[in-house]
Amino acid sequence: MPYNALIQILINGLVLGMIYIFVAVGLSVIFSMLRLITFAHGEMFMLGGFATWLFINGLGLPYYIGLALAVIVMFLIGALLQLTLWQPLQKDPMRCLIMSLALSSVLIGLSNIVFGPLDKSVKSPITGVMQVGNVYLSNERIAIVGSCLIMLIIVIIFFKKHKLGIAMRAVSLDTIAASLQGINVKRLQMIGFGIGCALAAFAGGLIGTVFTIHPTMGATPILKAFVVVVLGGLGSIPGSIVAGLIIGMLDSIATTYFGSIGNVAAYIVFISVLLFRPRGLMGYEEA
């Protein structure tokens, strides 16, 4: 395979990996804070894409301002959903699971009604290609990877250094001990759920410049995100980052060589790793 083609495949893998990482990290935050799995998380990704499209194409805002507003709006929506839907049922995981499936269907239906079934796209503020030797790289995809890296650094610093992030990690480790220390557990769980939704929305807003936005766009990312979360270790943000990069690269390479059948490669690796390491690559101790 030509060297420049290989570099392009790896860049595509990085883009996919970053998208999977943000959906998966959002799931990891929610799981670590509430010990809940939500199947409506893919719809947070989808709504993030539509919100970004609405702010940019509907209101004419600059791309990054529209994306930032979409993330804020989805944080608020996520926090509201946790307060009104998940919190009353939090002690019954099965009902939460069923409710998340129902919410997923409702959000897809509403999106079809509000935005229509036709695909939409967001015009990227960055165009053209960059030449490095004999290799041509898309500036748009490089910008997506760069934006994701910056956001990942912000997320890691927040959970490692910020007082609120440290408190959220304490809640994820032991809710009873955290409450005995005076931490408002319910408030932080609501914030954690909002952050999880905002991270998925960030990925949805970014991907709208490369792929189309439509009501069912969250189906594939949520499946891959579950693979990433379990492969990396339930509740582990570093694990989700590592696993997301692995799955993204694997998807890009496998689909290039084998077409659509290459999509199964990620699931084969997933099953193989869990046979030897059931806890995933990095366990689930860290929030």
C-alpha atoms as a PDB file:
ATOM      1  CA  MET A   1       0.000   0.000   0.000  1.00  0.00           C
ATOM      2  CA  PRO A   2       1.367   3.481  -0.854  1.00  0.00           C
ATOM      3  CA  TYR A   3       2.696   5.447   2.106  1.00  0.00           C
ATOM      4  CA  ASN A   4       0.345   8.413   1.542  1.00  0.00           C
ATOM      5  CA  ALA A   5      -2.703   6.101   1.430  1.00  0.00           C
ATOM      6  CA  LEU A   6      -1.662   4.530   4.743  1.00  0.00           C
ATOM      7  CA  ILE A   7      -1.341   7.968   6.370  1.00  0.00           C
ATOM      8  CA  GLN A   8      -4.825   8.881   5.117  1.00  0.00           C
ATOM      9  CA  ILE A   9      -6.258   5.675   6.562  1.00  0.00           C
ATOM     10  CA  LEU A  10      -4.637   6.433   9.917  1.00  0.00           C
ATOM     11  CA  ILE A  11      -6.036   9.986   9.911  1.00  0.00           C
ATOM     12  CA  ASN A  12      -9.501   8.600   9.178  1.00  0.00           C
ATOM     13  CA  GLY A  13      -8.977   6.151  12.026  1.00  0.00           C
ATOM     14  CA  LEU A  14      -8.054   9.001  14.345  1.00  0.00           C
ATOM     15  CA  VAL A  15     -11.245  10.881  13.411  1.00  0.00           C
ATOM     16  CA  LEU A  16     -13.401   7.798  14.042  1.00  0.00           C
ATOM     17  CA  GLY A  17     -11.498   7.045  17.230  1.00  0.00           C
ATOM     18  CA  MET A  18     -12.033  10.552  18.573  1.00  0.00           C
ATOM     19  CA  ILE A  19     -15.771  10.370  17.876  1.00  0.00           C
ATOM     20  CA  TYR A  20     -16.009   6.987  19.609  1.00  0.00           C
ATOM     21  CA  ILE A  21     -13.943   8.320  22.516  1.00  0.00           C
ATOM     22  CA  PHE A  22     -16.255  11.237  23.265  1.00  0.00           C
ATOM     23  CA  VAL A  23     -19.428   9.157  23.075  1.00  0.00           C
ATOM     24  CA  ALA A  24     -17.742   6.480  25.205  1.00  0.00           C
ATOM     25  CA  VAL A  25     -16.278   8.907  27.752  1.00  0.00           C
ATOM     26  CA  GLY A  26     -19.758  10.393  28.150  1.00  0.00           C
ATOM     27  CA  LEU A  27     -21.097   6.893  28.834  1.00  0.00           C
ATOM     28  CA  SER A  28     -18.226   6.225  31.263  1.00  0.00           C
ATOM     29  CA  VAL A  29     -18.948   9.401  33.218  1.00  0.00           C
ATOM     30  CA  ILE A  30     -22.639   8.498  33.482  1.00  0.00           C
ATOM     31  CA  PHE A  31     -21.906   4.903  34.475  1.00  0.00           C
ATOM     32  CA  SER A  32     -19.282   5.829  37.048  1.00  0.00           C
ATOM     33  CA  MET A  33     -21.534   8.455  38.647  1.00  0.00           C
ATOM     34  CA  LEU A  34     -24.884   6.643  38.551  1.00  0.00           C
ATOM     35  CA  ARG A  35     -24.029   2.990  37.773  1.00  0.00           C
ATOM     36  CA  LEU A  36     -26.548   3.174  34.925  1.00  0.00           C
ATOM     37  CA  ILE A  37     -26.398   2.186  31.264  1.00  0.00           C
ATOM     38  CA  THR A  38     -28.447   4.381  28.936  1.00  0.00           C
ATOM     39  CA  PHE A  39     -29.340   3.368  25.388  1.00  0.00           C
ATOM     40  CA  ALA A  40     -30.505   6.925  24.663  1.00  0.00           C
ATOM     41  CA  HIS A  41     -26.918   8.186  24.663  1.00  0.00           C
ATOM     42  CA  GLY A  42     -26.672   7.833  20.881  1.00  0.00           C
ATOM     43  CA  GLU A  43     -29.545  10.281  20.614  1.00  0.00           C
ATOM     44  CA  MET A  44     -27.564  12.830  22.653  1.00  0.00           C
ATOM     45  CA  PHE A  45     -24.912  12.487  19.941  1.00  0.00           C
ATOM     46  CA  MET A  46     -27.602  12.973  17.293  1.00  0.00           C
ATOM     47  CA  LEU A  47     -29.189  15.966  19.033  1.00  0.00           C
ATOM     48  CA  GLY A  48     -25.765  17.552  19.374  1.00  0.00           C
ATOM     49  CA  GLY A  49     -25.404  17.343  15.601  1.00  0.00           C
ATOM     50  CA  PHE A  50     -28.834  18.851  14.961  1.00  0.00           C
ATOM     51  CA  ALA A  51     -28.325  21.590  17.588  1.00  0.00           C
ATOM     52  CA  THR A  52     -25.029  22.560  15.967  1.00  0.00           C
ATOM     53  CA  TRP A  53     -26.686  22.586  12.529  1.00  0.00           C
ATOM     54  CA  LEU A  54     -29.544  24.730  13.876  1.00  0.00           C
ATOM     55  CA  PHE A  55     -27.250  27.324  15.467  1.00  0.00           C
ATOM     56  CA  ILE A  56     -25.024  27.565  12.392  1.00  0.00           C
ATOM     57  CA  ASN A  57     -27.423  27.121   9.458  1.00  0.00           C
ATOM     58  CA  GLY A  58     -30.561  28.423  11.156  1.00  0.00           C
ATOM     59  CA  LEU A  59     -29.171  31.357  13.141  1.00  0.00           C
ATOM     60  CA  GLY A  60     -26.063  32.033  11.077  1.00  0.00           C
ATOM     61  CA  LEU A  61     -23.621  31.793  13.980  1.00  0.00           C
ATOM     62  CA  PRO A  62     -19.923  31.032  13.440  1.00  0.00           C
ATOM     63  CA  TYR A  63     -19.146  27.319  13.575  1.00  0.00           C
ATOM     64  CA  TYR A  64     -17.273  27.117  16.880  1.00  0.00           C
ATOM     65  CA  ILE A  65     -19.762  29.390  18.661  1.00  0.00           C
ATOM     66  CA  GLY A  66     -22.608  27.226  17.359  1.00  0.00           C
ATOM     67  CA  LEU A  67     -20.814  24.079  18.501  1.00  0.00           C
ATOM     68  CA  ALA A  68     -20.149  25.548  21.961  1.00  0.00           C
ATOM     69  CA  LEU A  69     -23.805  26.578  22.345  1.00  0.00           C
ATOM     70  CA  ALA A  70     -24.937  23.107  21.257  1.00  0.00           C
ATOM     71  CA  VAL A  71     -22.719  21.536  23.932  1.00  0.00           C
ATOM     72  CA  ILE A  72     -24.117  23.876  26.602  1.00  0.00           C
ATOM     73  CA  VAL A  73     -27.709  23.212  25.554  1.00  0.00           C
ATOM     74  CA  MET A  74     -27.159  19.446  25.609  1.00  0.00           C
ATOM     75  CA  PHE A  75     -25.559  19.689  29.055  1.00  0.00           C
ATOM     76  CA  LEU A  76     -28.713  21.408  30.316  1.00  0.00           C
ATOM     77  CA  ILE A  77     -30.978  18.895  28.566  1.00  0.00           C
ATOM     78  CA  GLY A  78     -28.973  16.007  30.009  1.00  0.00           C
ATOM     79  CA  ALA A  79     -29.127  17.422  33.527  1.00  0.00           C
ATOM     80  CA  LEU A  80     -32.890  17.957  33.156  1.00  0.00           C
ATOM     81  CA  LEU A  81     -33.402  14.394  31.877  1.00  0.00           C
ATOM     82  CA  GLN A  82     -31.468  12.981  34.824  1.00  0.00           C
ATOM     83  CA  LEU A  83     -33.485  15.047  37.283  1.00  0.00           C
ATOM     84  CA  THR A  84     -36.896  14.219  35.824  1.00  0.00           C
ATOM     85  CA  LEU A  85     -36.500  10.721  34.352  1.00  0.00           C
ATOM     86  CA  TRP A  86     -33.489   8.893  35.730  1.00  0.00           C
ATOM     87  CA  GLN A  87     -33.373  10.141  39.324  1.00  0.00           C
ATOM     88  CA  PRO A  88     -36.856   8.862  40.309  1.00  0.00           C
ATOM     89  CA  LEU A  89     -35.991   5.398  38.899  1.00  0.00           C
ATOM     90  CA  GLN A  90     -32.321   5.298  39.872  1.00  0.00           C
ATOM     91  CA  LYS A  91     -32.748   2.455  42.377  1.00  0.00           C
ATOM     92  CA  ASP A  92     -34.320   0.250  39.706  1.00  0.00           C
ATOM     93  CA  PRO A  93     -31.712  -0.295  36.929  1.00  0.00           C
ATOM     94  CA  MET A  94     -34.047  -2.454  34.819  1.00  0.00           C
ATOM     95  CA  ARG A  95     -36.707   0.268  34.640  1.00  0.00           C
ATOM     96  CA  CYS A  96     -33.989   2.809  33.804  1.00  0.00           C
ATOM     97  CA  LEU A  97     -32.803   0.564  30.983  1.00  0.00           C
ATOM     98  CA  ILE A  98     -36.297   0.156  29.547  1.00  0.00           C
ATOM     99  CA  MET A  99     -36.977   3.865  29.953  1.00  0.00           C
ATOM    100  CA  SER A 100     -33.771   4.716  28.066  1.00  0.00           C
ATOM    101  CA  LEU A 101     -34.868   2.500  25.159  1.00  0.00           C
ATOM    102  CA  ALA A 102     -38.253   4.233  25.096  1.00  0.00           C
ATOM    103  CA  LEU A 103     -36.608   7.668  25.265  1.00  0.00           C
ATOM    104  CA  SER A 104     -34.340   6.726  22.364  1.00  0.00           C
ATOM    105  CA  SER A 105     -37.343   5.901  20.178  1.00  0.00           C
ATOM    106  CA  VAL A 106     -39.169   9.073  21.244  1.00  0.00           C
ATOM    107  CA  LEU A 107     -36.182  11.305  20.435  1.00  0.00           C
ATOM    108  CA  ILE A 108     -35.699   9.710  17.016  1.00  0.00           C
ATOM    109  CA  GLY A 109     -39.395  10.197  16.247  1.00  0.00           C
ATOM    110  CA  LEU A 110     -39.390  13.805  17.410  1.00  0.00           C
ATOM    111  CA  SER A 111     -36.258  14.536  15.369  1.00  0.00           C
ATOM    112  CA  ASN A 112     -37.972  13.158  12.273  1.00  0.00           C
ATOM    113  CA  ILE A 113     -40.930  15.461  12.907  1.00  0.00           C
ATOM    114  CA  VAL A 114     -38.939  18.594  13.800  1.00  0.00           C
ATOM    115  CA  PHE A 115     -35.971  18.325  11.426  1.00  0.00           C
ATOM    116  CA  GLY A 116     -37.385  16.026   8.753  1.00  0.00           C
ATOM    117  CA  PRO A 117     -35.985  12.732   7.431  1.00  0.00           C
ATOM    118  CA  LEU A 118     -33.603  14.323   4.903  1.00  0.00           C
ATOM    119  CA  ASP A 119     -29.890  14.332   5.713  1.00  0.00           C
ATOM    120  CA  LYS A 120     -28.304  17.625   6.718  1.00  0.00           C
ATOM    121  CA  SER A 121     -24.724  18.811   6.942  1.00  0.00           C
ATOM    122  CA  VAL A 122     -22.718  21.584   8.526  1.00  0.00           C
ATOM    123  CA  LYS A 123     -20.286  23.564   6.409  1.00  0.00           C
ATOM    124  CA  SER A 124     -16.810  23.274   7.834  1.00  0.00           C
ATOM    125  CA  PRO A 125     -15.007  26.554   8.592  1.00  0.00           C
ATOM    126  CA  ILE A 126     -11.764  24.885   7.526  1.00  0.00           C
ATOM    127  CA  THR A 127     -11.211  23.648   3.980  1.00  0.00           C
ATOM    128  CA  GLY A 128      -8.377  22.581   1.724  1.00  0.00           C
ATOM    129  CA  VAL A 129      -5.536  20.135   2.203  1.00  0.00           C
ATOM    130  CA  MET A 130      -2.121  20.195   3.797  1.00  0.00           C
ATOM    131  CA  GLN A 131       0.850  18.734   1.949  1.00  0.00           C
ATOM    132  CA  VAL A 132       3.524  17.012   4.032  1.00  0.00           C
ATOM    133  CA  GLY A 133       6.094  15.608   1.611  1.00  0.00           C
ATOM    134  CA  ASN A 134       4.118  13.442  -0.780  1.00  0.00           C
ATOM    135  CA  VAL A 135       1.201  13.104   1.612  1.00  0.00           C
ATOM    136  CA  TYR A 136      -1.964  15.230   1.309  1.00  0.00           C
ATOM    137  CA  LEU A 137      -3.985  15.588   4.506  1.00  0.00           C
ATOM    138  CA  SER A 138      -7.458  17.078   4.849  1.00  0.00           C
ATOM    139  CA  ASN A 139      -7.323  20.264   6.932  1.00  0.00           C
ATOM    140  CA  GLU A 140     -10.892  19.564   8.019  1.00  0.00           C
ATOM    141  CA  ARG A 141     -10.043  16.177   9.544  1.00  0.00           C
ATOM    142  CA  ILE A 142      -6.874  17.511  11.122  1.00  0.00           C
ATOM    143  CA  ALA A 143      -8.969  20.268  12.735  1.00  0.00           C
ATOM    144  CA  ILE A 144     -11.412  17.670  14.108  1.00  0.00           C
ATOM    145  CA  VAL A 145      -8.577  15.651  15.650  1.00  0.00           C
ATOM    146  CA  GLY A 146      -7.004  18.824  17.072  1.00  0.00           C
ATOM    147  CA  SER A 147     -10.315  20.030  18.540  1.00  0.00           C
ATOM    148  CA  CYS A 148     -10.891  16.630  20.133  1.00  0.00           C
ATOM    149  CA  LEU A 149      -7.411  16.569  21.641  1.00  0.00           C
ATOM    150  CA  ILE A 150      -7.928  20.015  23.173  1.00  0.00           C
ATOM    151  CA  MET A 151     -11.294  18.957  24.610  1.00  0.00           C
ATOM    152  CA  LEU A 152      -9.813  15.715  25.961  1.00  0.00           C
ATOM    153  CA  ILE A 153      -7.096  17.664  27.776  1.00  0.00           C
ATOM    154  CA  ILE A 154      -9.776  19.944  29.275  1.00  0.00           C
ATOM    155  CA  VAL A 155     -11.815  16.927  30.427  1.00  0.00           C
ATOM    156  CA  ILE A 156      -8.800  15.195  31.980  1.00  0.00           C
ATOM    157  CA  ILE A 157      -7.670  18.368  33.784  1.00  0.00           C
ATOM    158  CA  PHE A 158     -11.232  18.921  35.031  1.00  0.00           C
ATOM    159  CA  PHE A 159     -11.468  15.475  36.605  1.00  0.00           C
ATOM    160  CA  LYS A 160      -7.903  15.472  37.929  1.00  0.00           C
ATOM    161  CA  LYS A 161      -7.478  19.042  39.200  1.00  0.00           C
ATOM    162  CA  HIS A 162     -10.793  20.896  39.509  1.00  0.00           C
ATOM    163  CA  LYS A 163     -12.586  20.742  42.859  1.00  0.00           C
ATOM    164  CA  LEU A 164     -15.873  19.761  41.217  1.00  0.00           C
ATOM    165  CA  GLY A 165     -14.208  17.071  39.118  1.00  0.00           C
ATOM    166  CA  ILE A 166     -12.442  15.617  42.169  1.00  0.00           C
ATOM    167  CA  ALA A 167     -15.751  15.555  44.043  1.00  0.00           C
ATOM    168  CA  MET A 168     -17.357  13.740  41.113  1.00  0.00           C
ATOM    169  CA  ARG A 169     -14.582  11.156  41.191  1.00  0.00           C
ATOM    170  CA  ALA A 170     -15.229  10.684  44.895  1.00  0.00           C
ATOM    171  CA  VAL A 171     -18.929  10.079  44.194  1.00  0.00           C
ATOM    172  CA  SER A 172     -18.043   7.576  41.476  1.00  0.00           C
ATOM    173  CA  LEU A 173     -15.866   5.613  43.895  1.00  0.00           C
ATOM    174  CA  ASP A 174     -18.215   5.542  46.886  1.00  0.00           C
ATOM    175  CA  THR A 175     -21.459   7.501  47.070  1.00  0.00           C
ATOM    176  CA  ILE A 176     -21.996   6.794  50.781  1.00  0.00           C
ATOM    177  CA  ALA A 177     -18.502   7.915  51.809  1.00  0.00           C
ATOM    178  CA  ALA A 178     -18.833  10.993  49.587  1.00  0.00           C
ATOM    179  CA  SER A 179     -22.167  11.958  51.156  1.00  0.00           C
ATOM    180  CA  LEU A 180     -20.667  11.546  54.653  1.00  0.00           C
ATOM    181  CA  GLN A 181     -18.022  14.095  53.630  1.00  0.00           C
ATOM    182  CA  GLY A 182     -20.762  16.636  52.900  1.00  0.00           C
ATOM    183  CA  ILE A 183     -20.836  16.168  49.126  1.00  0.00           C
ATOM    184  CA  ASN A 184     -24.229  16.702  47.506  1.00  0.00           C
ATOM    185  CA  VAL A 185     -24.348  13.380  45.649  1.00  0.00           C
ATOM    186  CA  LYS A 186     -27.614  13.951  43.769  1.00  0.00           C
ATOM    187  CA  ARG A 187     -26.471  17.342  42.504  1.00  0.00           C
ATOM    188  CA  LEU A 188     -23.169  15.924  41.245  1.00  0.00           C
ATOM    189  CA  GLN A 189     -24.924  12.974  39.606  1.00  0.00           C
ATOM    190  CA  MET A 190     -27.124  15.422  37.738  1.00  0.00           C
ATOM    191  CA  ILE A 191     -24.057  17.406  36.650  1.00  0.00           C
ATOM    192  CA  GLY A 192     -22.255  14.187  35.662  1.00  0.00           C
ATOM    193  CA  PHE A 193     -25.164  13.095  33.497  1.00  0.00           C
ATOM    194  CA  GLY A 194     -25.200  16.526  31.854  1.00  0.00           C
ATOM    195  CA  ILE A 195     -21.458  16.340  31.183  1.00  0.00           C
ATOM    196  CA  GLY A 196     -21.860  12.893  29.645  1.00  0.00           C
ATOM    197  CA  CYS A 197     -24.553  14.186  27.274  1.00  0.00           C
ATOM    198  CA  ALA A 198     -22.501  17.301  26.454  1.00  0.00           C
ATOM    199  CA  LEU A 199     -19.479  15.196  25.451  1.00  0.00           C
ATOM    200  CA  ALA A 200     -21.618  13.092  23.107  1.00  0.00           C
ATOM    201  CA  ALA A 201     -23.106  16.294  21.672  1.00  0.00           C
ATOM    202  CA  PHE A 202     -19.607  17.676  21.075  1.00  0.00           C
ATOM    203  CA  ALA A 203     -18.808  14.616  18.963  1.00  0.00           C
ATOM    204  CA  GLY A 204     -22.111  14.924  17.092  1.00  0.00           C
ATOM    205  CA  GLY A 205     -21.463  18.565  16.287  1.00  0.00           C
ATOM    206  CA  LEU A 206     -17.963  17.842  14.999  1.00  0.00           C
ATOM    207  CA  ILE A 207     -18.942  14.906  12.814  1.00  0.00           C
ATOM    208  CA  GLY A 208     -21.585  16.997  11.035  1.00  0.00           C
ATOM    209  CA  THR A 209     -18.832  18.625   8.968  1.00  0.00           C
ATOM    210  CA  VAL A 210     -17.598  15.264   7.644  1.00  0.00           C
ATOM    211  CA  PHE A 211     -20.722  13.102   7.514  1.00  0.00           C
ATOM    212  CA  THR A 212     -24.419  13.898   7.310  1.00  0.00           C
ATOM    213  CA  ILE A 213     -26.735  14.577  10.249  1.00  0.00           C
ATOM    214  CA  HIS A 214     -29.939  12.516  10.434  1.00  0.00           C
ATOM    215  CA  PRO A 215     -32.283  11.155  13.121  1.00  0.00           C
ATOM    216  CA  THR A 216     -30.719   7.673  13.260  1.00  0.00           C
ATOM    217  CA  MET A 217     -27.086   8.796  13.149  1.00  0.00           C
ATOM    218  CA  GLY A 218     -26.511   7.727  16.761  1.00  0.00           C
ATOM    219  CA  ALA A 219     -27.063   3.997  16.102  1.00  0.00           C
ATOM    220  CA  THR A 220     -23.528   3.033  15.034  1.00  0.00           C
ATOM    221  CA  PRO A 221     -21.592   5.323  17.417  1.00  0.00           C
ATOM    222  CA  ILE A 222     -23.537   4.069  20.452  1.00  0.00           C
ATOM    223  CA  LEU A 223     -22.805   0.426  19.573  1.00  0.00           C
ATOM    224  CA  LYS A 224     -19.120   1.181  19.104  1.00  0.00           C
ATOM    225  CA  ALA A 225     -19.143   3.310  22.261  1.00  0.00           C
ATOM    226  CA  PHE A 226     -20.432   0.364  24.312  1.00  0.00           C
ATOM    227  CA  VAL A 227     -17.609  -1.733  22.877  1.00  0.00           C
ATOM    228  CA  VAL A 228     -15.115   0.998  23.773  1.00  0.00           C
ATOM    229  CA  VAL A 229     -16.489   1.446  27.316  1.00  0.00           C
ATOM    230  CA  VAL A 230     -16.401  -2.261  28.143  1.00  0.00           C
ATOM    231  CA  LEU A 231     -13.095  -2.838  26.362  1.00  0.00           C
ATOM    232  CA  GLY A 232     -11.474   0.081  28.160  1.00  0.00           C
ATOM    233  CA  GLY A 233     -13.016  -0.855  31.520  1.00  0.00           C
ATOM    234  CA  LEU A 234     -16.407   0.226  32.839  1.00  0.00           C
ATOM    235  CA  GLY A 235     -16.174   3.715  34.303  1.00  0.00           C
ATOM    236  CA  SER A 236     -12.540   4.271  33.247  1.00  0.00           C
ATOM    237  CA  ILE A 237     -11.981   7.448  31.229  1.00  0.00           C
ATOM    238  CA  PRO A 238      -8.331   6.590  30.385  1.00  0.00           C
ATOM    239  CA  GLY A 239      -9.501   3.130  29.330  1.00  0.00           C
ATOM    240  CA  SER A 240     -12.154   4.629  27.064  1.00  0.00           C
ATOM    241  CA  ILE A 241      -9.552   6.872  25.423  1.00  0.00           C
ATOM    242  CA  VAL A 242      -7.169   3.996  24.698  1.00  0.00           C
ATOM    243  CA  ALA A 243      -9.935   1.645  23.546  1.00  0.00           C
ATOM    244  CA  GLY A 244     -11.516   4.362  21.379  1.00  0.00           C
ATOM    245  CA  LEU A 245      -8.261   4.896  19.498  1.00  0.00           C
ATOM    246  CA  ILE A 246      -7.837   1.140  19.021  1.00  0.00           C
ATOM    247  CA  ILE A 247     -11.377   0.639  17.705  1.00  0.00           C
ATOM    248  CA  GLY A 248     -11.215   3.738  15.478  1.00  0.00           C
ATOM    249  CA  MET A 249      -7.943   2.653  13.869  1.00  0.00           C
ATOM    250  CA  LEU A 250      -9.182  -0.915  13.509  1.00  0.00           C
ATOM    251  CA  ASP A 251     -12.418   0.233  11.848  1.00  0.00           C
ATOM    252  CA  SER A 252     -10.563   2.440   9.369  1.00  0.00           C
ATOM    253  CA  ILE A 253      -8.013  -0.230   8.394  1.00  0.00           C
ATOM    254  CA  ALA A 254     -10.478  -3.129   8.272  1.00  0.00           C
ATOM    255  CA  THR A 255     -13.129  -1.321   6.223  1.00  0.00           C
ATOM    256  CA  THR A 256     -10.478  -0.081   3.771  1.00  0.00           C
ATOM    257  CA  TYR A 257      -9.280  -3.623   3.093  1.00  0.00           C
ATOM    258  CA  PHE A 258     -12.504  -5.613   3.513  1.00  0.00           C
ATOM    259  CA  GLY A 259     -15.326  -3.121   2.951  1.00  0.00           C
ATOM    260  CA  SER A 260     -18.438  -3.244   5.141  1.00  0.00           C
ATOM    261  CA  ILE A 261     -17.545  -6.698   6.449  1.00  0.00           C
ATOM    262  CA  GLY A 262     -14.568  -5.057   8.149  1.00  0.00           C
ATOM    263  CA  ASN A 263     -16.965  -3.602  10.732  1.00  0.00           C
ATOM    264  CA  VAL A 264     -16.962  -6.958  12.532  1.00  0.00           C
ATOM    265  CA  ALA A 265     -13.224  -6.646  13.268  1.00  0.00           C
ATOM    266  CA  ALA A 266     -13.865  -4.407  16.279  1.00  0.00           C
ATOM    267  CA  TYR A 267     -16.266  -6.925  17.794  1.00  0.00           C
ATOM    268  CA  ILE A 268     -13.835  -9.805  17.227  1.00  0.00           C
ATOM    269  CA  VAL A 269     -11.065  -7.908  19.049  1.00  0.00           C
ATOM    270  CA  PHE A 270     -13.565  -6.928  21.759  1.00  0.00           C
ATOM    271  CA  ILE A 271     -14.546 -10.555  22.437  1.00  0.00           C
ATOM    272  CA  SER A 272     -10.931 -11.742  22.280  1.00  0.00           C
ATOM    273  CA  VAL A 273      -9.697  -9.181  24.822  1.00  0.00           C
ATOM    274  CA  LEU A 274     -12.549  -9.853  27.262  1.00  0.00           C
ATOM    275  CA  LEU A 275     -11.876 -13.595  27.179  1.00  0.00           C
ATOM    276  CA  PHE A 276      -8.481 -12.925  28.733  1.00  0.00           C
ATOM    277  CA  ARG A 277      -9.243  -9.711  30.648  1.00  0.00           C
ATOM    278  CA  PRO A 278     -12.927  -9.549  31.647  1.00  0.00           C
ATOM    279  CA  ARG A 279     -12.492  -6.166  33.375  1.00  0.00           C
ATOM    280  CA  GLY A 280     -11.262  -4.566  30.201  1.00  0.00           C
ATOM    281  CA  LEU A 281      -7.934  -2.874  29.550  1.00  0.00           C
ATOM    282  CA  MET A 282      -7.951  -0.555  32.577  1.00  0.00           C
ATOM    283  CA  GLY A 283     -10.617  -1.854  34.913  1.00  0.00           C
ATOM    284  CA  TYR A 284     -13.195   0.537  36.305  1.00  0.00           C
ATOM    285  CA  GLU A 285     -11.620   2.015  39.407  1.00  0.00           C
ATOM    286  CA  GLU A 286     -11.086   5.526  38.011  1.00  0.00           C
ATOM    287  CA  ALA A 287     -13.908   7.941  37.174  1.00  0.00           C
END
